[in-house]
Amino acid sequence: MKTKRKAAPRSITKLTTLDSFLKEEGKLEEFEAVAIKEVLAWQLAEAMRTSNLSRKRLAERMKTSRSQVSRVLDPKDGNVTLTTLQRAAAIVGRKLKLELV
């Protein structure tokens, strides 16, 4: 019967934050962009639910296709213009606010 080895305790000095790890890997900006899009898509979907607004109806009000609305609501699709996000936000009674920090 094999005995289990205990893992050596990790040194706190070797621990890193996720941000610093992603920065070292050259992936921080990409992950931040995806996170921002995920939050925007979620907020828009929640506002649509509150307004009882379907994708089809949002597309009609935006004068665009349902596939364009699907791209706006897809958290992984970062290829959406600010103008499109502003129009969608306005229809659900919100404003798109961007700021440099």
PDB file of N, CA and C in Angstrom:
ATOM      1  N   MET A   1       0.837  -1.171   0.000  1.00  0.00           N
ATOM      2  CA  MET A   1       0.000   0.000   0.000  1.00  0.00           C
ATOM      3  C   MET A   1       0.891   1.246   0.000  1.00  0.00           C
ATOM      4  N   LYS A   2       0.592   2.169  -0.899  1.00  0.00           N
ATOM      5  CA  LYS A   2       1.374   3.393  -0.989  1.00  0.00           C
ATOM      6  C   LYS A   2       0.915   4.388   0.054  1.00  0.00           C
ATOM      7  N   THR A   3       1.872   5.113   0.583  1.00  0.00           N
ATOM      8  CA  THR A   3       1.524   6.164   1.526  1.00  0.00           C
ATOM      9  C   THR A   3       1.497   7.494   0.799  1.00  0.00           C
ATOM     10  N   LYS A   4       0.573   8.326   1.205  1.00  0.00           N
ATOM     11  CA  LYS A   4       0.440   9.647   0.582  1.00  0.00           C
ATOM     12  C   LYS A   4       1.486  10.586   1.136  1.00  0.00           C
ATOM     13  N   ARG A   5       2.113  11.310   0.237  1.00  0.00           N
ATOM     14  CA  ARG A   5       3.054  12.335   0.659  1.00  0.00           C
ATOM     15  C   ARG A   5       2.326  13.633   0.895  1.00  0.00           C
ATOM     16  N   LYS A   6       2.726  14.312   1.906  1.00  0.00           N
ATOM     17  CA  LYS A   6       2.150  15.637   2.144  1.00  0.00           C
ATOM     18  C   LYS A   6       2.861  16.636   1.263  1.00  0.00           C
ATOM     19  N   ALA A   7       2.088  17.513   0.670  1.00  0.00           N
ATOM     20  CA  ALA A   7       2.681  18.555  -0.163  1.00  0.00           C
ATOM     21  C   ALA A   7       3.422  19.538   0.719  1.00  0.00           C
ATOM     22  N   ALA A   8       4.525  20.010   0.208  1.00  0.00           N
ATOM     23  CA  ALA A   8       5.296  20.999   0.957  1.00  0.00           C
ATOM     24  C   ALA A   8       4.471  22.273   1.071  1.00  0.00           C
ATOM     25  N   PRO A   9       4.471  22.910   2.220  1.00  0.00           N
ATOM     26  CA  PRO A   9       3.700  24.151   2.363  1.00  0.00           C
ATOM     27  C   PRO A   9       4.250  25.219   1.427  1.00  0.00           C
ATOM     28  N   ARG A  10       3.352  26.001   0.873  1.00  0.00           N
ATOM     29  CA  ARG A  10       3.739  27.073  -0.045  1.00  0.00           C
ATOM     30  C   ARG A  10       4.272  28.263   0.724  1.00  0.00           C
ATOM     31  N   SER A  11       5.255  28.843   0.145  1.00  0.00           N
ATOM     32  CA  SER A  11       5.812  30.044   0.748  1.00  0.00           C
ATOM     33  C   SER A  11       4.961  31.236   0.343  1.00  0.00           C
ATOM     34  N   ILE A  12       4.586  32.045   1.297  1.00  0.00           N
ATOM     35  CA  ILE A  12       3.773  33.228   1.014  1.00  0.00           C
ATOM     36  C   ILE A  12       4.522  34.192   0.107  1.00  0.00           C
ATOM     37  N   THR A  13       5.828  34.215   0.205  1.00  0.00           N
ATOM     38  CA  THR A  13       6.607  35.146  -0.619  1.00  0.00           C
ATOM     39  C   THR A  13       6.543  34.776  -2.096  1.00  0.00           C
ATOM     40  N   LYS A  14       6.202  33.537  -2.424  1.00  0.00           N
ATOM     41  CA  LYS A  14       6.130  33.112  -3.825  1.00  0.00           C
ATOM     42  C   LYS A  14       4.726  33.289  -4.419  1.00  0.00           C
ATOM     43  N   LEU A  15       3.741  33.620  -3.584  1.00  0.00           N
ATOM     44  CA  LEU A  15       2.387  33.804  -4.082  1.00  0.00           C
ATOM     45  C   LEU A  15       2.303  35.093  -4.884  1.00  0.00           C
ATOM     46  N   THR A  16       1.421  35.103  -5.850  1.00  0.00           N
ATOM     47  CA  THR A  16       1.246  36.268  -6.701  1.00  0.00           C
ATOM     48  C   THR A  16      -0.239  36.545  -6.865  1.00  0.00           C
ATOM     49  N   THR A  17      -0.581  37.754  -7.222  1.00  0.00           N
ATOM     50  CA  THR A  17      -1.987  38.055  -7.486  1.00  0.00           C
ATOM     51  C   THR A  17      -2.321  37.615  -8.897  1.00  0.00           C
ATOM     52  N   LEU A  18      -3.584  37.430  -9.152  1.00  0.00           N
ATOM     53  CA  LEU A  18      -4.017  37.054 -10.495  1.00  0.00           C
ATOM     54  C   LEU A  18      -3.632  38.140 -11.487  1.00  0.00           C
ATOM     55  N   ASP A  19      -3.827  39.398 -11.097  1.00  0.00           N
ATOM     56  CA  ASP A  19      -3.473  40.501 -11.995  1.00  0.00           C
ATOM     57  C   ASP A  19      -1.994  40.469 -12.368  1.00  0.00           C
ATOM     58  N   SER A  20      -1.122  40.264 -11.388  1.00  0.00           N
ATOM     59  CA  SER A  20       0.305  40.264 -11.703  1.00  0.00           C
ATOM     60  C   SER A  20       0.679  39.045 -12.549  1.00  0.00           C
ATOM     61  N   PHE A  21       0.037  37.898 -12.285  1.00  0.00           N
ATOM     62  CA  PHE A  21       0.283  36.711 -13.111  1.00  0.00           C
ATOM     63  C   PHE A  21      -0.137  36.965 -14.564  1.00  0.00           C
ATOM     64  N   LEU A  22      -1.354  37.500 -14.740  1.00  0.00           N
ATOM     65  CA  LEU A  22      -1.833  37.767 -16.099  1.00  0.00           C
ATOM     66  C   LEU A  22      -0.959  38.803 -16.798  1.00  0.00           C
ATOM     67  N   LYS A  23      -0.494  39.783 -16.061  1.00  0.00           N
ATOM     68  CA  LYS A  23       0.386  40.804 -16.639  1.00  0.00           C
ATOM     69  C   LYS A  23       1.696  40.170 -17.107  1.00  0.00           C
ATOM     70  N   GLU A  24       2.262  39.304 -16.272  1.00  0.00           N
ATOM     71  CA  GLU A  24       3.494  38.603 -16.654  1.00  0.00           C
ATOM     72  C   GLU A  24       3.299  37.761 -17.906  1.00  0.00           C
ATOM     73  N   GLU A  25       2.114  37.181 -18.053  1.00  0.00           N
ATOM     74  CA  GLU A  25       1.808  36.340 -19.207  1.00  0.00           C
ATOM     75  C   GLU A  25       1.383  37.155 -20.429  1.00  0.00           C
ATOM     76  N   GLY A  26       1.225  38.468 -20.252  1.00  0.00           N
ATOM     77  CA  GLY A  26       0.799  39.324 -21.356  1.00  0.00           C
ATOM     78  C   GLY A  26      -0.677  39.190 -21.683  1.00  0.00           C
ATOM     79  N   LYS A  27      -1.479  38.797 -20.707  1.00  0.00           N
ATOM     80  CA  LYS A  27      -2.904  38.539 -20.943  1.00  0.00           C
ATOM     81  C   LYS A  27      -3.835  39.448 -20.146  1.00  0.00           C
ATOM     82  N   LEU A  28      -3.296  40.357 -19.348  1.00  0.00           N
ATOM     83  CA  LEU A  28      -4.126  41.160 -18.457  1.00  0.00           C
ATOM     84  C   LEU A  28      -5.143  42.003 -19.221  1.00  0.00           C
ATOM     85  N   GLU A  29      -4.717  42.720 -20.241  1.00  0.00           N
ATOM     86  CA  GLU A  29      -5.637  43.583 -20.988  1.00  0.00           C
ATOM     87  C   GLU A  29      -6.745  42.777 -21.644  1.00  0.00           C
ATOM     88  N   GLU A  30      -6.405  41.625 -22.187  1.00  0.00           N
ATOM     89  CA  GLU A  30      -7.404  40.764 -22.828  1.00  0.00           C
ATOM     90  C   GLU A  30      -8.455  40.307 -21.822  1.00  0.00           C
ATOM     91  N   PHE A  31      -8.028  39.881 -20.646  1.00  0.00           N
ATOM     92  CA  PHE A  31      -8.959  39.422 -19.619  1.00  0.00           C
ATOM     93  C   PHE A  31      -9.810  40.564 -19.082  1.00  0.00           C
ATOM     94  N   GLU A  32      -9.229  41.742 -18.936  1.00  0.00           N
ATOM     95  CA  GLU A  32     -10.006  42.890 -18.478  1.00  0.00           C
ATOM     96  C   GLU A  32     -11.083  43.250 -19.497  1.00  0.00           C
ATOM     97  N   ALA A  33     -10.744  43.215 -20.789  1.00  0.00           N
ATOM     98  CA  ALA A  33     -11.718  43.533 -21.832  1.00  0.00           C
ATOM     99  C   ALA A  33     -12.875  42.536 -21.822  1.00  0.00           C
ATOM    100  N   VAL A  34     -12.559  41.265 -21.661  1.00  0.00           N
ATOM    101  CA  VAL A  34     -13.610  40.238 -21.608  1.00  0.00           C
ATOM    102  C   VAL A  34     -14.489  40.452 -20.380  1.00  0.00           C
ATOM    103  N   ALA A  35     -13.878  40.777 -19.252  1.00  0.00           N
ATOM    104  CA  ALA A  35     -14.649  40.998 -18.024  1.00  0.00           C
ATOM    105  C   ALA A  35     -15.591  42.191 -18.173  1.00  0.00           C
ATOM    106  N   ILE A  36     -15.118  43.252 -18.780  1.00  0.00           N
ATOM    107  CA  ILE A  36     -15.963  44.435 -18.999  1.00  0.00           C
ATOM    108  C   ILE A  36     -17.146  44.075 -19.882  1.00  0.00           C
ATOM    109  N   LYS A  37     -16.900  43.336 -20.971  1.00  0.00           N
ATOM    110  CA  LYS A  37     -17.978  42.951 -21.890  1.00  0.00           C
ATOM    111  C   LYS A  37     -18.969  42.031 -21.189  1.00  0.00           C
ATOM    112  N   GLU A  38     -18.480  41.132 -20.347  1.00  0.00           N
ATOM    113  CA  GLU A  38     -19.383  40.241 -19.606  1.00  0.00           C
ATOM    114  C   GLU A  38     -20.310  41.035 -18.693  1.00  0.00           C
ATOM    115  N   VAL A  39     -19.770  42.027 -18.019  1.00  0.00           N
ATOM    116  CA  VAL A  39     -20.587  42.844 -17.120  1.00  0.00           C
ATOM    117  C   VAL A  39     -21.613  43.646 -17.918  1.00  0.00           C
ATOM    118  N   LEU A  40     -21.194  44.247 -19.031  1.00  0.00           N
ATOM    119  CA  LEU A  40     -22.134  45.021 -19.863  1.00  0.00           C
ATOM    120  C   LEU A  40     -23.249  44.132 -20.402  1.00  0.00           C
ATOM    121  N   ALA A  41     -22.903  42.943 -20.880  1.00  0.00           N
ATOM    122  CA  ALA A  41     -23.913  42.022 -21.412  1.00  0.00           C
ATOM    123  C   ALA A  41     -24.891  41.615 -20.311  1.00  0.00           C
ATOM    124  N   TRP A  42     -24.367  41.326 -19.121  1.00  0.00           N
ATOM    125  CA  TRP A  42     -25.224  40.942 -18.000  1.00  0.00           C
ATOM    126  C   TRP A  42     -26.151  42.089 -17.598  1.00  0.00           C
ATOM    127  N   GLN A  43     -25.605  43.313 -17.499  1.00  0.00           N
ATOM    128  CA  GLN A  43     -26.419  44.460 -17.114  1.00  0.00           C
ATOM    129  C   GLN A  43     -27.525  44.725 -18.137  1.00  0.00           C
ATOM    130  N   LEU A  44     -27.194  44.613 -19.397  1.00  0.00           N
ATOM    131  CA  LEU A  44     -28.203  44.833 -20.441  1.00  0.00           C
ATOM    132  C   LEU A  44     -29.274  43.747 -20.381  1.00  0.00           C
ATOM    133  N   ALA A  45     -28.870  42.500 -20.205  1.00  0.00           N
ATOM    134  CA  ALA A  45     -29.839  41.401 -20.111  1.00  0.00           C
ATOM    135  C   ALA A  45     -30.765  41.587 -18.907  1.00  0.00           C
ATOM    136  N   GLU A  46     -30.208  42.023 -17.782  1.00  0.00           N
ATOM    137  CA  GLU A  46     -31.028  42.276 -16.595  1.00  0.00           C
ATOM    138  C   GLU A  46     -32.013  43.414 -16.843  1.00  0.00           C
ATOM    139  N   ALA A  47     -31.563  44.477 -17.485  1.00  0.00           N
ATOM    140  CA  ALA A  47     -32.449  45.604 -17.795  1.00  0.00           C
ATOM    141  C   ALA A  47     -33.555  45.170 -18.760  1.00  0.00           C
ATOM    142  N   MET A  48     -33.224  44.287 -19.701  1.00  0.00           N
ATOM    143  CA  MET A  48     -34.238  43.765 -20.625  1.00  0.00           C
ATOM    144  C   MET A  48     -35.272  42.951 -19.860  1.00  0.00           C
ATOM    145  N   ARG A  49     -34.814  42.120 -18.919  1.00  0.00           N
ATOM    146  CA  ARG A  49     -35.747  41.310 -18.112  1.00  0.00           C
ATOM    147  C   ARG A  49     -36.680  42.208 -17.307  1.00  0.00           C
ATOM    148  N   THR A  50     -36.100  43.227 -16.686  1.00  0.00           N
ATOM    149  CA  THR A  50     -36.892  44.157 -15.883  1.00  0.00           C
ATOM    150  C   THR A  50     -37.940  44.864 -16.740  1.00  0.00           C
ATOM    151  N   SER A  51     -37.564  45.194 -17.964  1.00  0.00           N
ATOM    152  CA  SER A  51     -38.469  45.896 -18.883  1.00  0.00           C
ATOM    153  C   SER A  51     -39.368  44.937 -19.651  1.00  0.00           C
ATOM    154  N   ASN A  52     -39.205  43.623 -19.391  1.00  0.00           N
ATOM    155  CA  ASN A  52     -39.959  42.609 -20.120  1.00  0.00           C
ATOM    156  C   ASN A  52     -39.784  42.782 -21.635  1.00  0.00           C
ATOM    157  N   LEU A  53     -38.526  42.909 -22.059  1.00  0.00           N
ATOM    158  CA  LEU A  53     -38.189  43.191 -23.450  1.00  0.00           C
ATOM    159  C   LEU A  53     -37.438  42.003 -24.043  1.00  0.00           C
ATOM    160  N   SER A  54     -37.951  41.451 -25.118  1.00  0.00           N
ATOM    161  CA  SER A  54     -37.306  40.315 -25.767  1.00  0.00           C
ATOM    162  C   SER A  54     -36.191  40.802 -26.695  1.00  0.00           C
ATOM    163  N   ARG A  55     -35.360  39.867 -27.126  1.00  0.00           N
ATOM    164  CA  ARG A  55     -34.299  40.201 -28.091  1.00  0.00           C
ATOM    165  C   ARG A  55     -34.901  40.725 -29.394  1.00  0.00           C
ATOM    166  N   LYS A  56     -35.986  40.089 -29.802  1.00  0.00           N
ATOM    167  CA  LYS A  56     -36.643  40.499 -31.045  1.00  0.00           C
ATOM    168  C   LYS A  56     -37.143  41.937 -30.936  1.00  0.00           C
ATOM    169  N   ARG A  57     -37.777  42.249 -29.829  1.00  0.00           N
ATOM    170  CA  ARG A  57     -38.328  43.600 -29.640  1.00  0.00           C
ATOM    171  C   ARG A  57     -37.203  44.642 -29.504  1.00  0.00           C
ATOM    172  N   LEU A  58     -36.116  44.278 -28.803  1.00  0.00           N
ATOM    173  CA  LEU A  58     -34.983  45.192 -28.702  1.00  0.00           C
ATOM    174  C   LEU A  58     -34.398  45.451 -30.084  1.00  0.00           C
ATOM    175  N   ALA A  59     -34.266  44.422 -30.891  1.00  0.00           N
ATOM    176  CA  ALA A  59     -33.743  44.583 -32.247  1.00  0.00           C
ATOM    177  C   ALA A  59     -34.640  45.508 -33.068  1.00  0.00           C
ATOM    178  N   GLU A  60     -35.940  45.337 -32.932  1.00  0.00           N
ATOM    179  CA  GLU A  60     -36.874  46.207 -33.662  1.00  0.00           C
ATOM    180  C   GLU A  60     -36.697  47.663 -33.239  1.00  0.00           C
ATOM    181  N   ARG A  61     -36.602  47.891 -31.941  1.00  0.00           N
ATOM    182  CA  ARG A  61     -36.457  49.267 -31.449  1.00  0.00           C
ATOM    183  C   ARG A  61     -35.107  49.874 -31.828  1.00  0.00           C
ATOM    184  N   MET A  62     -34.083  49.037 -31.920  1.00  0.00           N
ATOM    185  CA  MET A  62     -32.765  49.518 -32.314  1.00  0.00           C
ATOM    186  C   MET A  62     -32.635  49.647 -33.828  1.00  0.00           C
ATOM    187  N   LYS A  63     -33.641  49.142 -34.550  1.00  0.00           N
ATOM    188  CA  LYS A  63     -33.617  49.098 -36.008  1.00  0.00           C
ATOM    189  C   LYS A  63     -32.390  48.326 -36.504  1.00  0.00           C
ATOM    190  N   THR A  64     -32.257  47.135 -35.929  1.00  0.00           N
ATOM    191  CA  THR A  64     -31.156  46.245 -36.286  1.00  0.00           C
ATOM    192  C   THR A  64     -31.655  44.812 -36.274  1.00  0.00           C
ATOM    193  N   SER A  65     -30.764  43.869 -36.506  1.00  0.00           N
ATOM    194  CA  SER A  65     -31.150  42.458 -36.557  1.00  0.00           C
ATOM    195  C   SER A  65     -31.049  41.806 -35.172  1.00  0.00           C
ATOM    196  N   ARG A  66     -31.736  40.679 -35.038  1.00  0.00           N
ATOM    197  CA  ARG A  66     -31.633  39.919 -33.790  1.00  0.00           C
ATOM    198  C   ARG A  66     -30.225  39.377 -33.604  1.00  0.00           C
ATOM    199  N   SER A  67     -29.535  39.078 -34.706  1.00  0.00           N
ATOM    200  CA  SER A  67     -28.164  38.577 -34.578  1.00  0.00           C
ATOM    201  C   SER A  67     -27.244  39.654 -34.006  1.00  0.00           C
ATOM    202  N   GLN A  68     -27.489  40.932 -34.355  1.00  0.00           N
ATOM    203  CA  GLN A  68     -26.702  42.021 -33.773  1.00  0.00           C
ATOM    204  C   GLN A  68     -26.981  42.132 -32.276  1.00  0.00           C
ATOM    205  N   VAL A  69     -28.229  41.995 -31.885  1.00  0.00           N
ATOM    206  CA  VAL A  69     -28.575  42.026 -30.461  1.00  0.00           C
ATOM    207  C   VAL A  69     -27.925  40.845 -29.746  1.00  0.00           C
ATOM    208  N   SER A  70     -27.893  39.698 -30.385  1.00  0.00           N
ATOM    209  CA  SER A  70     -27.237  38.534 -29.790  1.00  0.00           C
ATOM    210  C   SER A  70     -25.751  38.791 -29.580  1.00  0.00           C
ATOM    211  N   ARG A  71     -25.106  39.481 -30.511  1.00  0.00           N
ATOM    212  CA  ARG A  71     -23.691  39.826 -30.338  1.00  0.00           C
ATOM    213  C   ARG A  71     -23.502  40.769 -29.147  1.00  0.00           C
ATOM    214  N   VAL A  72     -24.429  41.712 -28.990  1.00  0.00           N
ATOM    215  CA  VAL A  72     -24.351  42.639 -27.850  1.00  0.00           C
ATOM    216  C   VAL A  72     -24.492  41.868 -26.542  1.00  0.00           C
ATOM    217  N   LEU A  73     -25.362  40.881 -26.513  1.00  0.00           N
ATOM    218  CA  LEU A  73     -25.633  40.123 -25.286  1.00  0.00           C
ATOM    219  C   LEU A  73     -24.671  38.963 -25.061  1.00  0.00           C
ATOM    220  N   ASP A  74     -23.822  38.670 -26.046  1.00  0.00           N
ATOM    221  CA  ASP A  74     -22.860  37.582 -25.919  1.00  0.00           C
ATOM    222  C   ASP A  74     -21.638  38.081 -25.155  1.00  0.00           C
ATOM    223  N   PRO A  75     -21.411  37.576 -23.939  1.00  0.00           N
ATOM    224  CA  PRO A  75     -20.297  38.086 -23.141  1.00  0.00           C
ATOM    225  C   PRO A  75     -18.928  37.823 -23.755  1.00  0.00           C
ATOM    226  N   LYS A  76     -18.828  36.877 -24.656  1.00  0.00           N
ATOM    227  CA  LYS A  76     -17.537  36.542 -25.268  1.00  0.00           C
ATOM    228  C   LYS A  76     -17.279  37.323 -26.553  1.00  0.00           C
ATOM    229  N   ASP A  77     -18.290  37.973 -27.094  1.00  0.00           N
ATOM    230  CA  ASP A  77     -18.136  38.714 -28.355  1.00  0.00           C
ATOM    231  C   ASP A  77     -17.776  40.158 -28.049  1.00  0.00           C
ATOM    232  N   GLY A  78     -16.521  40.498 -28.232  1.00  0.00           N
ATOM    233  CA  GLY A  78     -16.058  41.853 -27.937  1.00  0.00           C
ATOM    234  C   GLY A  78     -16.162  42.785 -29.124  1.00  0.00           C
ATOM    235  N   ASN A  79     -16.710  42.310 -30.222  1.00  0.00           N
ATOM    236  CA  ASN A  79     -16.771  43.096 -31.445  1.00  0.00           C
ATOM    237  C   ASN A  79     -18.094  43.847 -31.561  1.00  0.00           C
ATOM    238  N   VAL A  80     -18.330  44.749 -30.618  1.00  0.00           N
ATOM    239  CA  VAL A  80     -19.546  45.549 -30.587  1.00  0.00           C
ATOM    240  C   VAL A  80     -19.133  47.008 -30.446  1.00  0.00           C
ATOM    241  N   THR A  81     -19.743  47.876 -31.226  1.00  0.00           N
ATOM    242  CA  THR A  81     -19.344  49.280 -31.170  1.00  0.00           C
ATOM    243  C   THR A  81     -19.964  49.984 -29.967  1.00  0.00           C
ATOM    244  N   LEU A  82     -19.331  51.062 -29.575  1.00  0.00           N
ATOM    245  CA  LEU A  82     -19.865  51.865 -28.480  1.00  0.00           C
ATOM    246  C   LEU A  82     -21.225  52.442 -28.848  1.00  0.00           C
ATOM    247  N   THR A  83     -21.386  52.809 -30.098  1.00  0.00           N
ATOM    248  CA  THR A  83     -22.665  53.360 -30.560  1.00  0.00           C
ATOM    249  C   THR A  83     -23.785  52.337 -30.375  1.00  0.00           C
ATOM    250  N   THR A  84     -23.505  51.096 -30.715  1.00  0.00           N
ATOM    251  CA  THR A  84     -24.507  50.035 -30.555  1.00  0.00           C
ATOM    252  C   THR A  84     -24.842  49.841 -29.081  1.00  0.00           C
ATOM    253  N   LEU A  85     -23.825  49.834 -28.223  1.00  0.00           N
ATOM    254  CA  LEU A  85     -24.070  49.694 -26.790  1.00  0.00           C
ATOM    255  C   LEU A  85     -24.874  50.871 -26.248  1.00  0.00           C
ATOM    256  N   GLN A  86     -24.586  52.076 -26.732  1.00  0.00           N
ATOM    257  CA  GLN A  86     -25.334  53.262 -26.290  1.00  0.00           C
ATOM    258  C   GLN A  86     -26.792  53.171 -26.703  1.00  0.00           C
ATOM    259  N   ARG A  87     -27.051  52.743 -27.935  1.00  0.00           N
ATOM    260  CA  ARG A  87     -28.441  52.622 -28.407  1.00  0.00           C
ATOM    261  C   ARG A  87     -29.202  51.583 -27.588  1.00  0.00           C
ATOM    262  N   ALA A  88     -28.569  50.447 -27.340  1.00  0.00           N
ATOM    263  CA  ALA A  88     -29.231  49.394 -26.555  1.00  0.00           C
ATOM    264  C   ALA A  88     -29.510  49.894 -25.136  1.00  0.00           C
ATOM    265  N   ALA A  89     -28.545  50.569 -24.546  1.00  0.00           N
ATOM    266  CA  ALA A  89     -28.731  51.092 -23.188  1.00  0.00           C
ATOM    267  C   ALA A  89     -29.876  52.094 -23.136  1.00  0.00           C
ATOM    268  N   ALA A  90     -29.940  52.965 -24.109  1.00  0.00           N
ATOM    269  CA  ALA A  90     -30.994  53.986 -24.127  1.00  0.00           C
ATOM    270  C   ALA A  90     -32.376  53.349 -24.213  1.00  0.00           C
ATOM    271  N   ILE A  91     -32.498  52.292 -24.975  1.00  0.00           N
ATOM    272  CA  ILE A  91     -33.802  51.646 -25.150  1.00  0.00           C
ATOM    273  C   ILE A  91     -34.284  51.003 -23.847  1.00  0.00           C
ATOM    274  N   VAL A  92     -33.355  50.526 -23.024  1.00  0.00           N
ATOM    275  CA  VAL A  92     -33.764  49.930 -21.742  1.00  0.00           C
ATOM    276  C   VAL A  92     -33.725  50.957 -20.615  1.00  0.00           C
ATOM    277  N   GLY A  93     -33.604  52.234 -20.985  1.00  0.00           N
ATOM    278  CA  GLY A  93     -33.671  53.300 -19.994  1.00  0.00           C
ATOM    279  C   GLY A  93     -32.379  53.532 -19.222  1.00  0.00           C
ATOM    280  N   ARG A  94     -31.273  53.165 -19.802  1.00  0.00           N
ATOM    281  CA  ARG A  94     -29.983  53.330 -19.143  1.00  0.00           C
ATOM    282  C   ARG A  94     -29.060  54.176 -20.016  1.00  0.00           C
ATOM    283  N   LYS A  95     -27.901  54.527 -19.458  1.00  0.00           N
ATOM    284  CA  LYS A  95     -26.853  55.230 -20.194  1.00  0.00           C
ATOM    285  C   LYS A  95     -25.582  54.415 -20.095  1.00  0.00           C
ATOM    286  N   LEU A  96     -24.806  54.460 -21.152  1.00  0.00           N
ATOM    287  CA  LEU A  96     -23.490  53.827 -21.140  1.00  0.00           C
ATOM    288  C   LEU A  96     -22.499  54.851 -20.622  1.00  0.00           C
ATOM    289  N   LYS A  97     -21.761  54.481 -19.593  1.00  0.00           N
ATOM    290  CA  LYS A  97     -20.814  55.411 -18.990  1.00  0.00           C
ATOM    291  C   LYS A  97     -19.429  54.772 -19.052  1.00  0.00           C
ATOM    292  N   LEU A  98     -18.505  55.460 -19.708  1.00  0.00           N
ATOM    293  CA  LEU A  98     -17.120  55.009 -19.779  1.00  0.00           C
ATOM    294  C   LEU A  98     -16.243  56.045 -19.112  1.00  0.00           C
ATOM    295  N   GLU A  99     -15.197  55.570 -18.456  1.00  0.00           N
ATOM    296  CA  GLU A  99     -14.272  56.512 -17.865  1.00  0.00           C
ATOM    297  C   GLU A  99     -12.883  55.907 -17.825  1.00  0.00           C
ATOM    298  N   LEU A 100     -11.900  56.771 -17.900  1.00  0.00           N
ATOM    299  CA  LEU A 100     -10.520  56.345 -17.755  1.00  0.00           C
ATOM    300  C   LEU A 100     -10.135  56.505 -16.296  1.00  0.00           C
ATOM    301  N   VAL A 101      -9.580  55.470 -15.719  1.00  0.00           N
ATOM    302  CA  VAL A 101      -9.189  55.541 -14.308  1.00  0.00           C
ATOM    303  C   VAL A 101      -7.702  55.275 -14.160  1.00  0.00           C
TER     304      VAL A 101
END
